[in-house]
Amino acid sequence: MWEEVRIKIKLGEKGQLVVPKVVREHIGLHEKGYAIIEVKENHLEIRPLTKEDIVKEWREIAKKHGGDLSRMKFVYGDRLYEEVF
């Protein structure tokens, strides 16, 4: 287990950040997967978004709306992510 790791990287021309492969593998980020980026004061926190996370958030949203999201016209996609996060 890593305690603390520092890796110097260079941002791309448009400010894009590439997470090194060794870091992606260690924290569980996968190709075509999803991640959550949280801004905390002056730094970023990145973690993988799992299917279990999505299901949990859907259940919480459903509970908040009386268990019937179809009445709220929720669809899987951008609207879900706006509501969840």
Protein backbone atom coordinates (compact mmCIF):
# COMPACT_ATOMS: atom_id res chain seq x y z
CA MET A 1 0.00 0.00 0.00
CA TRP A 2 1.25 3.44 -0.86
CA GLU A 3 1.49 5.90 1.98
CA GLU A 4 2.31 8.97 -0.05
CA VAL A 5 3.49 9.27 -3.62
CA ARG A 6 4.52 12.33 -5.56
CA ILE A 7 4.83 12.26 -9.32
CA LYS A 8 5.68 15.36 -11.30
CA ILE A 9 3.66 15.68 -14.51
CA LYS A 10 3.31 18.30 -17.21
CA LEU A 11 -0.11 19.58 -18.18
CA GLY A 12 -1.05 19.60 -21.86
CA GLU A 13 -1.48 22.75 -23.95
CA LYS A 14 -5.15 23.04 -22.95
CA GLY A 15 -4.45 22.35 -19.29
CA GLN A 16 -5.31 18.68 -19.63
CA LEU A 17 -4.07 16.33 -16.95
CA VAL A 18 -2.92 12.82 -17.75
CA VAL A 19 -2.97 10.47 -14.77
CA PRO A 20 0.03 8.13 -15.04
CA LYS A 21 -0.80 4.47 -15.66
CA VAL A 22 0.74 3.28 -12.40
CA VAL A 23 -1.53 5.68 -10.46
CA ARG A 24 -4.65 4.76 -12.48
CA GLU A 25 -4.05 1.09 -11.83
CA HIS A 26 -3.40 1.63 -8.13
CA ILE A 27 -6.62 3.56 -7.47
CA GLY A 28 -8.78 1.51 -9.85
CA LEU A 29 -9.38 3.86 -12.78
CA HIS A 30 -10.10 1.92 -15.96
CA GLU A 31 -10.43 2.71 -19.65
CA LYS A 32 -13.94 3.97 -20.48
CA GLY A 33 -14.74 4.03 -16.77
CA TYR A 34 -15.91 7.04 -14.79
CA ALA A 35 -14.29 9.04 -12.04
CA ILE A 36 -15.31 11.74 -9.62
CA ILE A 37 -13.10 14.81 -9.29
CA GLU A 38 -13.64 16.86 -6.16
CA VAL A 39 -12.10 20.28 -5.64
CA LYS A 40 -11.04 20.69 -2.02
CA GLU A 41 -9.64 24.12 -1.25
CA ASN A 42 -6.57 24.25 -3.51
CA HIS A 43 -6.25 20.61 -4.58
CA LEU A 44 -8.10 17.86 -6.45
CA GLU A 45 -9.24 14.48 -5.23
CA ILE A 46 -9.91 11.83 -7.89
CA ARG A 47 -11.63 8.52 -7.25
CA PRO A 48 -13.25 5.92 -9.46
CA LEU A 49 -17.03 5.95 -9.79
CA THR A 50 -18.28 2.39 -9.52
CA LYS A 51 -21.57 0.85 -10.59
CA GLU A 52 -22.34 0.41 -6.90
CA ASP A 53 -21.91 4.18 -6.38
CA ILE A 54 -24.38 4.90 -9.19
CA VAL A 55 -26.95 2.41 -7.87
CA LYS A 56 -26.65 3.84 -4.35
CA GLU A 57 -27.21 7.39 -5.62
CA TRP A 58 -30.18 6.28 -7.75
CA ARG A 59 -31.77 4.66 -4.69
CA GLU A 60 -31.29 7.82 -2.64
CA ILE A 61 -32.81 9.96 -5.41
CA ALA A 62 -35.76 7.56 -5.74
CA LYS A 63 -36.34 7.67 -1.98
CA LYS A 64 -36.24 11.49 -2.05
CA HIS A 65 -38.91 11.51 -4.80
CA GLY A 66 -41.22 8.93 -3.24
CA GLY A 67 -39.68 5.93 -4.98
CA ASP A 68 -40.98 6.73 -8.49
CA LEU A 69 -38.40 8.43 -10.67
CA SER A 70 -40.48 7.87 -13.82
CA ARG A 71 -42.85 10.58 -12.60
CA MET A 72 -39.88 12.92 -12.33
CA LYS A 73 -38.88 12.08 -15.94
CA PHE A 74 -35.39 11.03 -14.87
CA VAL A 75 -33.36 9.21 -17.47
CA TYR A 76 -29.98 7.58 -17.22
CA GLY A 77 -27.36 10.06 -18.37
CA ASP A 78 -26.56 13.71 -17.88
CA ARG A 79 -29.65 14.53 -15.83
CA LEU A 80 -28.80 11.73 -13.39
CA TYR A 81 -25.26 13.00 -12.96
CA GLU A 82 -26.49 16.56 -12.46
CA GLU A 83 -28.83 15.36 -9.70
CA VAL A 84 -26.40 12.93 -8.11
CA PHE A 85 -23.41 15.22 -8.12
